[in-house]
PDB file of N, CA and C in Angstrom:
ATOM      1  N   MET A   1      64.929  71.329  -4.980  1.00  0.00           N
ATOM      2  CA  MET A   1      64.390  71.407  -6.097  1.00  0.00           C
ATOM      3  C   MET A   1      62.797  71.077  -6.093  1.00  0.00           C
ATOM      4  N   ARG A   2      62.419  71.709  -6.586  1.00  0.00           N
ATOM      5  CA  ARG A   2      60.615  71.823  -6.930  1.00  0.00           C
ATOM      6  C   ARG A   2      60.233  70.027  -7.057  1.00  0.00           C
ATOM      7  N   ALA A   3      59.071  69.793  -6.765  1.00  0.00           N
ATOM      8  CA  ALA A   3      58.444  68.592  -6.869  1.00  0.00           C
ATOM      9  C   ALA A   3      58.483  68.442  -8.430  1.00  0.00           C
ATOM     10  N   ASP A   4      57.937  69.310  -8.979  1.00  0.00           N
ATOM     11  CA  ASP A   4      57.478  69.077 -10.519  1.00  0.00           C
ATOM     12  C   ASP A   4      58.858  69.103 -11.549  1.00  0.00           C
ATOM     13  N   LYS A   5      59.466  70.010 -11.178  1.00  0.00           N
ATOM     14  CA  LYS A   5      60.683  70.017 -11.690  1.00  0.00           C
ATOM     15  C   LYS A   5      61.510  68.546 -11.800  1.00  0.00           C
ATOM     16  N   LYS A   6      61.501  67.960 -10.373  1.00  0.00           N
ATOM     17  CA  LYS A   6      62.409  66.606 -10.571  1.00  0.00           C
ATOM     18  C   LYS A   6      61.146  65.370 -11.378  1.00  0.00           C
ATOM     19  N   CYS A   7      60.016  65.775 -11.129  1.00  0.00           N
ATOM     20  CA  CYS A   7      59.375  64.801 -11.712  1.00  0.00           C
ATOM     21  C   CYS A   7      59.932  65.009 -13.151  1.00  0.00           C
ATOM     22  N   ASP A   8      59.597  66.231 -13.768  1.00  0.00           N
ATOM     23  CA  ASP A   8      60.092  66.115 -15.152  1.00  0.00           C
ATOM     24  C   ASP A   8      61.154  65.768 -15.605  1.00  0.00           C
ATOM     25  N   LEU A   9      62.442  66.038 -14.969  1.00  0.00           N
ATOM     26  CA  LEU A   9      63.362  65.115 -14.990  1.00  0.00           C
ATOM     27  C   LEU A   9      63.419  63.824 -15.217  1.00  0.00           C
ATOM     28  N   MET A  10      62.675  63.328 -14.177  1.00  0.00           N
ATOM     29  CA  MET A  10      62.695  61.730 -14.244  1.00  0.00           C
ATOM     30  C   MET A  10      61.996  61.375 -15.684  1.00  0.00           C
ATOM     31  N   LYS A  11      61.003  61.951 -16.090  1.00  0.00           N
ATOM     32  CA  LYS A  11      60.141  61.377 -17.267  1.00  0.00           C
ATOM     33  C   LYS A  11      61.173  61.774 -18.237  1.00  0.00           C
ATOM     34  N   ARG A  12      62.007  62.729 -18.399  1.00  0.00           N
ATOM     35  CA  ARG A  12      62.947  62.952 -19.654  1.00  0.00           C
ATOM     36  C   ARG A  12      64.216  61.858 -19.458  1.00  0.00           C
ATOM     37  N   ARG A  13      64.138  61.413 -18.220  1.00  0.00           N
ATOM     38  CA  ARG A  13      65.375  60.372 -18.615  1.00  0.00           C
ATOM     39  C   ARG A  13      64.985  59.350 -18.733  1.00  0.00           C
ATOM     40  N   ARG A  14      63.784  58.662 -18.378  1.00  0.00           N
ATOM     41  CA  ARG A  14      63.075  57.396 -18.549  1.00  0.00           C
ATOM     42  C   ARG A  14      62.588  57.350 -20.128  1.00  0.00           C
ATOM     43  N   TRP A  15      62.119  58.359 -20.925  1.00  0.00           N
ATOM     44  CA  TRP A  15      62.039  58.354 -22.121  1.00  0.00           C
ATOM     45  C   TRP A  15      63.452  58.470 -23.403  1.00  0.00           C
ATOM     46  N   ARG A  16      64.518  58.976 -22.558  1.00  0.00           N
ATOM     47  CA  ARG A  16      65.669  59.292 -23.156  1.00  0.00           C
ATOM     48  C   ARG A  16      66.531  57.514 -23.093  1.00  0.00           C
ATOM     49  N   ILE A  17      65.962  56.986 -21.994  1.00  0.00           N
ATOM     50  CA  ILE A  17      66.674  55.271 -21.952  1.00  0.00           C
ATOM     51  C   ILE A  17      65.409  54.395 -22.844  1.00  0.00           C
ATOM     52  N   ARG A  18      64.242  54.875 -23.053  1.00  0.00           N
ATOM     53  CA  ARG A  18      63.338  53.824 -23.460  1.00  0.00           C
ATOM     54  C   ARG A  18      63.595  54.230 -25.185  1.00  0.00           C
ATOM     55  N   LYS A  19      64.049  55.265 -25.462  1.00  0.00           N
ATOM     56  CA  LYS A  19      64.725  55.579 -27.149  1.00  0.00           C
ATOM     57  C   LYS A  19      65.578  54.424 -27.484  1.00  0.00           C
ATOM     58  N   LYS A  20      66.402  53.935 -26.465  1.00  0.00           N
ATOM     59  CA  LYS A  20      67.351  53.030 -26.819  1.00  0.00           C
ATOM     60  C   LYS A  20      67.375  51.604 -26.747  1.00  0.00           C
ATOM     61  N   ILE A  21      66.358  51.106 -25.765  1.00  0.00           N
ATOM     62  CA  ILE A  21      65.936  49.712 -25.180  1.00  0.00           C
ATOM     63  C   ILE A  21      64.990  49.179 -25.914  1.00  0.00           C
ATOM     64  N   VAL A  22      64.996  48.408 -26.401  1.00  0.00           N
ATOM     65  CA  VAL A  22      63.907  47.845 -27.332  1.00  0.00           C
ATOM     66  C   VAL A  22      63.704  46.316 -27.115  1.00  0.00           C
ATOM     67  N   GLY A  23      62.875  45.733 -26.580  1.00  0.00           N
ATOM     68  CA  GLY A  23      62.705  44.216 -26.403  1.00  0.00           C
ATOM     69  C   GLY A  23      62.087  43.384 -27.226  1.00  0.00           C
ATOM     70  N   THR A  24      62.084  42.088 -27.626  1.00  0.00           N
ATOM     71  CA  THR A  24      61.659  41.247 -28.648  1.00  0.00           C
ATOM     72  C   THR A  24      61.517  40.133 -28.125  1.00  0.00           C
ATOM     73  N   VAL A  25      61.186  39.061 -28.950  1.00  0.00           N
ATOM     74  CA  VAL A  25      60.898  37.682 -28.280  1.00  0.00           C
ATOM     75  C   VAL A  25      61.824  36.984 -27.871  1.00  0.00           C
ATOM     76  N   GLU A  26      62.750  37.389 -28.308  1.00  0.00           N
ATOM     77  CA  GLU A  26      64.045  36.420 -28.163  1.00  0.00           C
ATOM     78  C   GLU A  26      64.644  36.897 -26.378  1.00  0.00           C
ATOM     79  N   ARG A  27      64.492  38.337 -26.873  1.00  0.00           N
ATOM     80  CA  ARG A  27      65.218  39.043 -25.654  1.00  0.00           C
ATOM     81  C   ARG A  27      64.286  40.136 -25.433  1.00  0.00           C
ATOM     82  N   PRO A  28      63.047  39.839 -24.141  1.00  0.00           N
ATOM     83  CA  PRO A  28      62.521  40.686 -23.911  1.00  0.00           C
ATOM     84  C   PRO A  28      63.023  41.595 -23.035  1.00  0.00           C
ATOM     85  N   ARG A  29      62.221  42.927 -22.574  1.00  0.00           N
ATOM     86  CA  ARG A  29      62.724  43.923 -21.892  1.00  0.00           C
ATOM     87  C   ARG A  29      62.115  43.653 -20.747  1.00  0.00           C
ATOM     88  N   MET A  30      63.029  43.967 -19.293  1.00  0.00           N
ATOM     89  CA  MET A  30      62.443  43.757 -18.216  1.00  0.00           C
ATOM     90  C   MET A  30      62.520  45.141 -17.692  1.00  0.00           C
ATOM     91  N   SER A  31      61.419  45.454 -17.502  1.00  0.00           N
ATOM     92  CA  SER A  31      60.941  46.683 -16.888  1.00  0.00           C
ATOM     93  C   SER A  31      60.634  46.820 -15.510  1.00  0.00           C
ATOM     94  N   VAL A  32      61.292  47.641 -14.741  1.00  0.00           N
ATOM     95  CA  VAL A  32      61.423  47.591 -13.558  1.00  0.00           C
ATOM     96  C   VAL A  32      61.169  48.926 -13.057  1.00  0.00           C
ATOM     97  N   ARG A  33      59.996  48.932 -12.305  1.00  0.00           N
ATOM     98  CA  ARG A  33      59.405  50.232 -11.854  1.00  0.00           C
ATOM     99  C   ARG A  33      59.105  50.152 -10.234  1.00  0.00           C
ATOM    100  N   PHE A  34      59.542  51.266  -9.621  1.00  0.00           N
ATOM    101  CA  PHE A  34      59.618  51.313  -7.829  1.00  0.00           C
ATOM    102  C   PHE A  34      58.756  52.506  -7.693  1.00  0.00           C
ATOM    103  N   THR A  35      57.723  52.130  -6.710  1.00  0.00           N
ATOM    104  CA  THR A  35      57.007  53.319  -5.940  1.00  0.00           C
ATOM    105  C   THR A  35      57.480  53.494  -4.637  1.00  0.00           C
ATOM    106  N   HIS A  36      56.739  53.800  -4.097  1.00  0.00           N
ATOM    107  CA  HIS A  36      56.845  54.046  -2.482  1.00  0.00           C
ATOM    108  C   HIS A  36      56.501  52.822  -1.559  1.00  0.00           C
ATOM    109  N   LYS A  37      55.696  52.200  -2.051  1.00  0.00           N
ATOM    110  CA  LYS A  37      55.134  50.687  -1.735  1.00  0.00           C
ATOM    111  C   LYS A  37      55.441  49.748  -2.382  1.00  0.00           C
ATOM    112  N   ASN A  38      55.623  49.749  -3.345  1.00  0.00           N
ATOM    113  CA  ASN A  38      55.555  48.461  -4.012  1.00  0.00           C
ATOM    114  C   ASN A  38      56.635  48.583  -5.210  1.00  0.00           C
ATOM    115  N   ILE A  39      57.036  47.303  -5.857  1.00  0.00           N
ATOM    116  CA  ILE A  39      57.989  47.042  -6.932  1.00  0.00           C
ATOM    117  C   ILE A  39      57.077  46.415  -8.080  1.00  0.00           C
ATOM    118  N   TYR A  40      57.503  47.031  -9.396  1.00  0.00           N
ATOM    119  CA  TYR A  40      56.678  45.754 -10.207  1.00  0.00           C
ATOM    120  C   TYR A  40      57.865  45.638 -11.497  1.00  0.00           C
ATOM    121  N   VAL A  41      57.788  43.972 -12.085  1.00  0.00           N
ATOM    122  CA  VAL A  41      58.760  43.913 -13.240  1.00  0.00           C
ATOM    123  C   VAL A  41      57.831  43.140 -13.767  1.00  0.00           C
ATOM    124  N   GLN A  42      58.277  43.463 -15.201  1.00  0.00           N
ATOM    125  CA  GLN A  42      57.281  43.021 -16.251  1.00  0.00           C
ATOM    126  C   GLN A  42      58.942  42.734 -17.675  1.00  0.00           C
ATOM    127  N   PHE A  43      57.914  41.703 -18.104  1.00  0.00           N
ATOM    128  CA  PHE A  43      58.653  41.028 -19.074  1.00  0.00           C
ATOM    129  C   PHE A  43      58.012  41.190 -20.681  1.00  0.00           C
ATOM    130  N   ILE A  44      58.445  42.642 -21.251  1.00  0.00           N
ATOM    131  CA  ILE A  44      57.742  42.921 -22.537  1.00  0.00           C
ATOM    132  C   ILE A  44      58.086  42.467 -23.494  1.00  0.00           C
ATOM    133  N   ASP A  45      57.490  42.229 -24.540  1.00  0.00           N
ATOM    134  CA  ASP A  45      57.959  42.169 -25.997  1.00  0.00           C
ATOM    135  C   ASP A  45      57.378  43.392 -26.796  1.00  0.00           C
ATOM    136  N   ASP A  46      58.431  44.286 -27.360  1.00  0.00           N
ATOM    137  CA  ASP A  46      58.064  45.503 -27.581  1.00  0.00           C
ATOM    138  C   ASP A  46      57.916  45.407 -29.189  1.00  0.00           C
ATOM    139  N   ASP A  47      58.209  44.422 -30.095  1.00  0.00           N
ATOM    140  CA  ASP A  47      57.560  44.197 -31.035  1.00  0.00           C
ATOM    141  C   ASP A  47      56.276  44.188 -31.089  1.00  0.00           C
ATOM    142  N   ALA A  48      55.355  42.930 -30.632  1.00  0.00           N
ATOM    143  CA  ALA A  48      54.099  42.700 -30.719  1.00  0.00           C
ATOM    144  C   ALA A  48      53.486  43.450 -29.679  1.00  0.00           C
ATOM    145  N   GLY A  49      54.152  44.563 -28.879  1.00  0.00           N
ATOM    146  CA  GLY A  49      53.378  45.293 -27.305  1.00  0.00           C
ATOM    147  C   GLY A  49      52.795  44.261 -26.542  1.00  0.00           C
ATOM    148  N   ASN A  50      53.164  43.045 -26.207  1.00  0.00           N
ATOM    149  CA  ASN A  50      52.472  42.043 -25.038  1.00  0.00           C
ATOM    150  C   ASN A  50      53.692  42.103 -24.293  1.00  0.00           C
ATOM    151  N   THR A  51      53.084  41.951 -22.628  1.00  0.00           N
ATOM    152  CA  THR A  51      53.728  41.605 -21.498  1.00  0.00           C
ATOM    153  C   THR A  51      53.692  39.949 -21.367  1.00  0.00           C
ATOM    154  N   LEU A  52      55.116  39.621 -21.382  1.00  0.00           N
ATOM    155  CA  LEU A  52      55.128  38.029 -21.438  1.00  0.00           C
ATOM    156  C   LEU A  52      54.960  37.501 -19.895  1.00  0.00           C
ATOM    157  N   ALA A  53      55.553  38.290 -18.754  1.00  0.00           N
ATOM    158  CA  ALA A  53      55.136  37.355 -17.832  1.00  0.00           C
ATOM    159  C   ALA A  53      55.520  38.832 -17.141  1.00  0.00           C
ATOM    160  N   SER A  54      55.185  39.028 -15.512  1.00  0.00           N
ATOM    161  CA  SER A  54      55.348  40.219 -14.808  1.00  0.00           C
ATOM    162  C   SER A  54      54.953  39.282 -13.039  1.00  0.00           C
ATOM    163  N   VAL A  55      55.593  40.136 -12.140  1.00  0.00           N
ATOM    164  CA  VAL A  55      55.862  40.058 -10.960  1.00  0.00           C
ATOM    165  C   VAL A  55      55.986  41.187 -10.231  1.00  0.00           C
ATOM    166  N   SER A  56      55.109  41.345  -8.915  1.00  0.00           N
ATOM    167  CA  SER A  56      55.320  42.477  -8.173  1.00  0.00           C
ATOM    168  C   SER A  56      55.136  41.825  -6.832  1.00  0.00           C
ATOM    169  N   THR A  57      55.294  43.126  -6.046  1.00  0.00           N
ATOM    170  CA  THR A  57      54.970  42.752  -4.378  1.00  0.00           C
ATOM    171  C   THR A  57      53.478  42.815  -4.012  1.00  0.00           C
ATOM    172  N   ARG A  58      52.858  43.314  -5.079  1.00  0.00           N
ATOM    173  CA  ARG A  58      51.012  42.953  -4.635  1.00  0.00           C
ATOM    174  C   ARG A  58      50.758  41.696  -5.009  1.00  0.00           C
ATOM    175  N   ALA A  59      51.518  40.808  -5.751  1.00  0.00           N
ATOM    176  CA  ALA A  59      51.255  39.465  -5.837  1.00  0.00           C
ATOM    177  C   ALA A  59      50.976  38.655  -4.371  1.00  0.00           C
ATOM    178  N   LYS A  60      50.157  37.881  -4.730  1.00  0.00           N
ATOM    179  CA  LYS A  60      49.925  36.482  -3.263  1.00  0.00           C
ATOM    180  C   LYS A  60      51.350  35.828  -3.113  1.00  0.00           C
ATOM    181  N   SER A  61      51.949  35.968  -3.996  1.00  0.00           N
ATOM    182  CA  SER A  61      53.598  35.047  -3.832  1.00  0.00           C
ATOM    183  C   SER A  61      54.477  35.780  -3.027  1.00  0.00           C
ATOM    184  N   ALA A  62      54.311  37.149  -3.228  1.00  0.00           N
ATOM    185  CA  ALA A  62      55.319  37.719  -3.095  1.00  0.00           C
ATOM    186  C   ALA A  62      54.504  38.630  -1.519  1.00  0.00           C
ATOM    187  N   ASP A  63      53.821  38.030  -0.770  1.00  0.00           N
ATOM    188  CA  ASP A  63      52.991  38.567   0.005  1.00  0.00           C
ATOM    189  C   ASP A  63      53.859  39.202   1.456  1.00  0.00           C
ATOM    190  N   GLY A  64      53.962  40.279   1.913  1.00  0.00           N
ATOM    191  CA  GLY A  64      54.727  40.700   3.092  1.00  0.00           C
ATOM    192  C   GLY A  64      55.749  41.688   2.352  1.00  0.00           C
ATOM    193  N   LEU A  65      56.218  41.456   1.334  1.00  0.00           N
ATOM    194  CA  LEU A  65      57.500  42.164   1.062  1.00  0.00           C
ATOM    195  C   LEU A  65      57.255  43.858   0.341  1.00  0.00           C
ATOM    196  N   ALA A  66      58.412  44.604   1.136  1.00  0.00           N
ATOM    197  CA  ALA A  66      58.199  45.728   1.094  1.00  0.00           C
ATOM    198  C   ALA A  66      58.787  46.593  -0.379  1.00  0.00           C
ATOM    199  N   ALA A  67      58.915  47.856  -0.325  1.00  0.00           N
ATOM    200  CA  ALA A  67      59.384  48.062  -1.732  1.00  0.00           C
ATOM    201  C   ALA A  67      61.137  48.528  -0.915  1.00  0.00           C
ATOM    202  N   ASN A  68      61.867  48.183  -0.625  1.00  0.00           N
ATOM    203  CA  ASN A  68      63.402  48.432   0.071  1.00  0.00           C
ATOM    204  C   ASN A  68      64.529  47.545  -0.657  1.00  0.00           C
ATOM    205  N   ALA A  69      65.114  47.469  -0.373  1.00  0.00           N
ATOM    206  CA  ALA A  69      66.357  46.613  -0.767  1.00  0.00           C
ATOM    207  C   ALA A  69      66.362  45.154  -0.462  1.00  0.00           C
ATOM    208  N   ALA A  70      65.954  44.808   0.742  1.00  0.00           N
ATOM    209  CA  ALA A  70      65.595  43.644   0.712  1.00  0.00           C
ATOM    210  C   ALA A  70      64.345  42.770  -0.152  1.00  0.00           C
ATOM    211  N   GLY A  71      63.567  43.575  -0.306  1.00  0.00           N
ATOM    212  CA  GLY A  71      62.270  43.452  -0.857  1.00  0.00           C
ATOM    213  C   GLY A  71      62.945  43.176  -2.494  1.00  0.00           C
ATOM    214  N   ALA A  72      63.555  43.839  -2.867  1.00  0.00           N
ATOM    215  CA  ALA A  72      64.116  43.896  -4.183  1.00  0.00           C
ATOM    216  C   ALA A  72      65.104  42.968  -4.655  1.00  0.00           C
ATOM    217  N   GLY A  73      65.517  42.354  -3.720  1.00  0.00           N
ATOM    218  CA  GLY A  73      66.513  41.193  -3.891  1.00  0.00           C
ATOM    219  C   GLY A  73      65.560  39.833  -3.845  1.00  0.00           C
ATOM    220  N   GLU A  74      64.646  39.911  -3.301  1.00  0.00           N
ATOM    221  CA  GLU A  74      63.364  38.935  -3.210  1.00  0.00           C
ATOM    222  C   GLU A  74      62.381  38.825  -4.326  1.00  0.00           C
ATOM    223  N   ILE A  75      62.055  39.976  -5.176  1.00  0.00           N
ATOM    224  CA  ILE A  75      61.144  40.231  -6.337  1.00  0.00           C
ATOM    225  C   ILE A  75      62.224  39.849  -7.062  1.00  0.00           C
ATOM    226  N   GLY A  76      63.738  40.435  -7.603  1.00  0.00           N
ATOM    227  CA  GLY A  76      64.392  39.499  -8.380  1.00  0.00           C
ATOM    228  C   GLY A  76      64.412  38.133  -8.247  1.00  0.00           C
ATOM    229  N   LYS A  77      64.589  37.320  -7.245  1.00  0.00           N
ATOM    230  CA  LYS A  77      64.691  36.164  -7.453  1.00  0.00           C
ATOM    231  C   LYS A  77      63.121  35.376  -7.786  1.00  0.00           C
ATOM    232  N   LEU A  78      62.163  35.801  -7.532  1.00  0.00           N
ATOM    233  CA  LEU A  78      60.880  35.857  -7.916  1.00  0.00           C
ATOM    234  C   LEU A  78      60.796  35.716  -9.601  1.00  0.00           C
ATOM    235  N   ALA A  79      61.542  37.012  -9.824  1.00  0.00           N
ATOM    236  CA  ALA A  79      61.191  37.562 -11.370  1.00  0.00           C
ATOM    237  C   ALA A  79      62.190  36.599 -12.225  1.00  0.00           C
ATOM    238  N   GLY A  80      63.314  36.108 -11.661  1.00  0.00           N
ATOM    239  CA  GLY A  80      64.066  35.114 -12.430  1.00  0.00           C
ATOM    240  C   GLY A  80      63.190  33.533 -12.768  1.00  0.00           C
ATOM    241  N   ASP A  81      62.750  33.291 -11.823  1.00  0.00           N
ATOM    242  CA  ASP A  81      61.818  32.209 -11.531  1.00  0.00           C
ATOM    243  C   ASP A  81      60.829  32.138 -12.362  1.00  0.00           C
ATOM    244  N   VAL A  82      59.841  33.222 -12.294  1.00  0.00           N
ATOM    245  CA  VAL A  82      58.867  33.382 -13.304  1.00  0.00           C
ATOM    246  C   VAL A  82      59.443  33.373 -14.952  1.00  0.00           C
ATOM    247  N   ALA A  83      60.101  34.227 -15.087  1.00  0.00           N
ATOM    248  CA  ALA A  83      61.139  34.503 -16.342  1.00  0.00           C
ATOM    249  C   ALA A  83      61.324  32.758 -16.860  1.00  0.00           C
ATOM    250  N   LYS A  84      61.986  32.120 -16.204  1.00  0.00           N
ATOM    251  CA  LYS A  84      62.372  30.571 -16.485  1.00  0.00           C
ATOM    252  C   LYS A  84      61.358  30.037 -16.802  1.00  0.00           C
ATOM    253  N   ALA A  85      60.194  29.875 -16.083  1.00  0.00           N
ATOM    254  CA  ALA A  85      58.519  29.200 -16.533  1.00  0.00           C
ATOM    255  C   ALA A  85      58.280  29.854 -17.845  1.00  0.00           C
ATOM    256  N   ALA A  86      58.285  30.956 -18.046  1.00  0.00           N
ATOM    257  CA  ALA A  86      58.137  31.624 -19.480  1.00  0.00           C
ATOM    258  C   ALA A  86      59.060  31.232 -20.625  1.00  0.00           C
ATOM    259  N   GLY A  87      59.947  30.808 -20.302  1.00  0.00           N
ATOM    260  CA  GLY A  87      60.879  30.148 -21.290  1.00  0.00           C
ATOM    261  C   GLY A  87      61.991  31.744 -21.629  1.00  0.00           C
ATOM    262  N   ILE A  88      62.128  32.615 -20.476  1.00  0.00           N
ATOM    263  CA  ILE A  88      62.830  33.496 -21.199  1.00  0.00           C
ATOM    264  C   ILE A  88      64.040  33.272 -20.190  1.00  0.00           C
ATOM    265  N   LYS A  89      65.611  33.469 -21.162  1.00  0.00           N
ATOM    266  CA  LYS A  89      66.851  33.328 -20.678  1.00  0.00           C
ATOM    267  C   LYS A  89      67.611  34.279 -20.674  1.00  0.00           C
ATOM    268  N   THR A  90      67.497  35.414 -21.618  1.00  0.00           N
ATOM    269  CA  THR A  90      68.199  36.531 -21.533  1.00  0.00           C
ATOM    270  C   THR A  90      67.372  37.850 -21.704  1.00  0.00           C
ATOM    271  N   VAL A  91      67.758  39.057 -21.107  1.00  0.00           N
ATOM    272  CA  VAL A  91      66.533  39.804 -21.119  1.00  0.00           C
ATOM    273  C   VAL A  91      67.383  41.512 -21.562  1.00  0.00           C
ATOM    274  N   VAL A  92      67.003  42.451 -21.796  1.00  0.00           N
ATOM    275  CA  VAL A  92      67.350  43.594 -21.671  1.00  0.00           C
ATOM    276  C   VAL A  92      66.945  44.319 -20.593  1.00  0.00           C
ATOM    277  N   PHE A  93      67.687  45.305 -19.797  1.00  0.00           N
ATOM    278  CA  PHE A  93      67.124  45.570 -18.481  1.00  0.00           C
ATOM    279  C   PHE A  93      66.547  46.968 -18.593  1.00  0.00           C
ATOM    280  N   ASP A  94      65.541  47.296 -18.331  1.00  0.00           N
ATOM    281  CA  ASP A  94      64.979  48.721 -18.202  1.00  0.00           C
ATOM    282  C   ASP A  94      65.131  48.974 -16.667  1.00  0.00           C
ATOM    283  N   ARG A  95      65.625  50.076 -16.337  1.00  0.00           N
ATOM    284  CA  ARG A  95      65.594  50.468 -15.044  1.00  0.00           C
ATOM    285  C   ARG A  95      64.488  51.703 -14.710  1.00  0.00           C
ATOM    286  N   SER A  96      64.062  52.204 -15.782  1.00  0.00           N
ATOM    287  CA  SER A  96      62.643  53.339 -15.865  1.00  0.00           C
ATOM    288  C   SER A  96      63.262  54.554 -15.459  1.00  0.00           C
ATOM    289  N   GLY A  97      64.147  55.065 -15.626  1.00  0.00           N
ATOM    290  CA  GLY A  97      64.976  56.363 -15.209  1.00  0.00           C
ATOM    291  C   GLY A  97      65.569  56.348 -13.682  1.00  0.00           C
ATOM    292  N   ALA A  98      65.569  55.200 -13.136  1.00  0.00           N
ATOM    293  CA  ALA A  98      66.271  54.937 -11.896  1.00  0.00           C
ATOM    294  C   ALA A  98      67.625  54.967 -11.909  1.00  0.00           C
ATOM    295  N   ARG A  99      68.409  55.642 -10.941  1.00  0.00           N
ATOM    296  CA  ARG A  99      69.904  55.312 -10.872  1.00  0.00           C
ATOM    297  C   ARG A  99      70.235  53.839 -10.619  1.00  0.00           C
ATOM    298  N   PHE A 100      71.420  52.855 -11.376  1.00  0.00           N
ATOM    299  CA  PHE A 100      71.975  51.783 -10.768  1.00  0.00           C
ATOM    300  C   PHE A 100      72.442  51.575  -9.905  1.00  0.00           C
ATOM    301  N   HIS A 101      71.927  51.806  -8.229  1.00  0.00           N
ATOM    302  CA  HIS A 101      72.365  51.552  -6.982  1.00  0.00           C
ATOM    303  C   HIS A 101      71.316  51.192  -6.041  1.00  0.00           C
ATOM    304  N   GLY A 102      71.750  50.707  -5.056  1.00  0.00           N
ATOM    305  CA  GLY A 102      70.370  50.522  -3.697  1.00  0.00           C
ATOM    306  C   GLY A 102      69.268  49.556  -4.390  1.00  0.00           C
ATOM    307  N   LYS A 103      68.311  49.673  -4.449  1.00  0.00           N
ATOM    308  CA  LYS A 103      67.273  48.959  -4.934  1.00  0.00           C
ATOM    309  C   LYS A 103      67.319  48.170  -6.301  1.00  0.00           C
ATOM    310  N   VAL A 104      67.437  49.018  -7.316  1.00  0.00           N
ATOM    311  CA  VAL A 104      67.565  48.420  -8.402  1.00  0.00           C
ATOM    312  C   VAL A 104      68.805  47.601  -8.549  1.00  0.00           C
ATOM    313  N   LYS A 105      69.894  47.686  -8.103  1.00  0.00           N
ATOM    314  CA  LYS A 105      71.114  47.216  -8.243  1.00  0.00           C
ATOM    315  C   LYS A 105      70.963  45.615  -7.499  1.00  0.00           C
ATOM    316  N   ALA A 106      70.162  45.739  -6.426  1.00  0.00           N
ATOM    317  CA  ALA A 106      69.852  44.301  -5.700  1.00  0.00           C
ATOM    318  C   ALA A 106      68.981  43.553  -6.582  1.00  0.00           C
ATOM    319  N   LEU A 107      67.853  44.329  -7.198  1.00  0.00           N
ATOM    320  CA  LEU A 107      67.149  43.690  -7.801  1.00  0.00           C
ATOM    321  C   LEU A 107      67.732  42.569  -9.475  1.00  0.00           C
ATOM    322  N   ALA A 108      68.697  43.535  -9.786  1.00  0.00           N
ATOM    323  CA  ALA A 108      69.551  43.158 -11.215  1.00  0.00           C
ATOM    324  C   ALA A 108      70.417  41.890 -10.537  1.00  0.00           C
ATOM    325  N   ASP A 109      71.177  42.228  -9.505  1.00  0.00           N
ATOM    326  CA  ASP A 109      71.763  40.920  -9.022  1.00  0.00           C
ATOM    327  C   ASP A 109      70.839  39.721  -8.843  1.00  0.00           C
ATOM    328  N   ALA A 110      70.036  40.233  -7.832  1.00  0.00           N
ATOM    329  CA  ALA A 110      68.917  38.944  -7.763  1.00  0.00           C
ATOM    330  C   ALA A 110      68.508  38.165  -8.855  1.00  0.00           C
ATOM    331  N   ALA A 111      68.352  38.695  -9.685  1.00  0.00           N
ATOM    332  CA  ALA A 111      68.029  38.285 -11.274  1.00  0.00           C
ATOM    333  C   ALA A 111      69.040  37.434 -11.811  1.00  0.00           C
ATOM    334  N   ARG A 112      70.045  37.791 -11.792  1.00  0.00           N
ATOM    335  CA  ARG A 112      71.116  37.191 -12.369  1.00  0.00           C
ATOM    336  C   ARG A 112      71.587  35.948 -11.974  1.00  0.00           C
ATOM    337  N   GLU A 113      71.229  35.927 -10.180  1.00  0.00           N
ATOM    338  CA  GLU A 113      71.640  34.845  -9.604  1.00  0.00           C
ATOM    339  C   GLU A 113      70.683  33.835  -9.699  1.00  0.00           C
ATOM    340  N   ALA A 114      69.377  34.283 -10.338  1.00  0.00           N
ATOM    341  CA  ALA A 114      68.651  33.015 -10.217  1.00  0.00           C
ATOM    342  C   ALA A 114      68.703  32.559 -11.835  1.00  0.00           C
ATOM    343  N   GLY A 115      69.379  33.017 -12.473  1.00  0.00           N
ATOM    344  CA  GLY A 115      69.532  32.370 -13.819  1.00  0.00           C
ATOM    345  C   GLY A 115      69.430  33.271 -15.134  1.00  0.00           C
ATOM    346  N   LEU A 116      69.092  34.773 -14.805  1.00  0.00           N
ATOM    347  CA  LEU A 116      68.935  35.110 -15.928  1.00  0.00           C
ATOM    348  C   LEU A 116      69.977  36.047 -16.515  1.00  0.00           C
ATOM    349  N   LYS A 117      70.305  36.402 -18.331  1.00  0.00           N
ATOM    350  CA  LYS A 117      71.348  36.937 -18.355  1.00  0.00           C
ATOM    351  C   LYS A 117      71.102  38.290 -18.953  1.00  0.00           C
ATOM    352  N   ILE A 118      71.432  39.453 -18.200  1.00  0.00           N
ATOM    353  CA  ILE A 118      71.436  40.862 -18.340  1.00  0.00           C
ATOM    354  C   ILE A 118      72.172  41.401 -19.248  1.00  0.00           C
TER     355      ILE A 118
END
């Protein structure tokens, strides 16, 4: 499959998912994005358009983590801790078009173990 076609399919999948998922102050959207080198997690209130909390592999607290399943598990734990500190208990999980297996599943499971309700 050509790279531009694959990118277009990923965008369409992301838009289709985002039409159905909306975060509020009581239950923000936990947006997860993976690049080749980094993992980004944001807790977003879509009503006000604010990011309530965020964590990534680029942060100093997550120094040395890679964008693999082990790193995703650690970022999931950090995301759960950051969410607790911000007063977030339940979230809506937005996987940003990625399939729910591997890194995405490891991050979600680690966040659940840290105390988040997904």
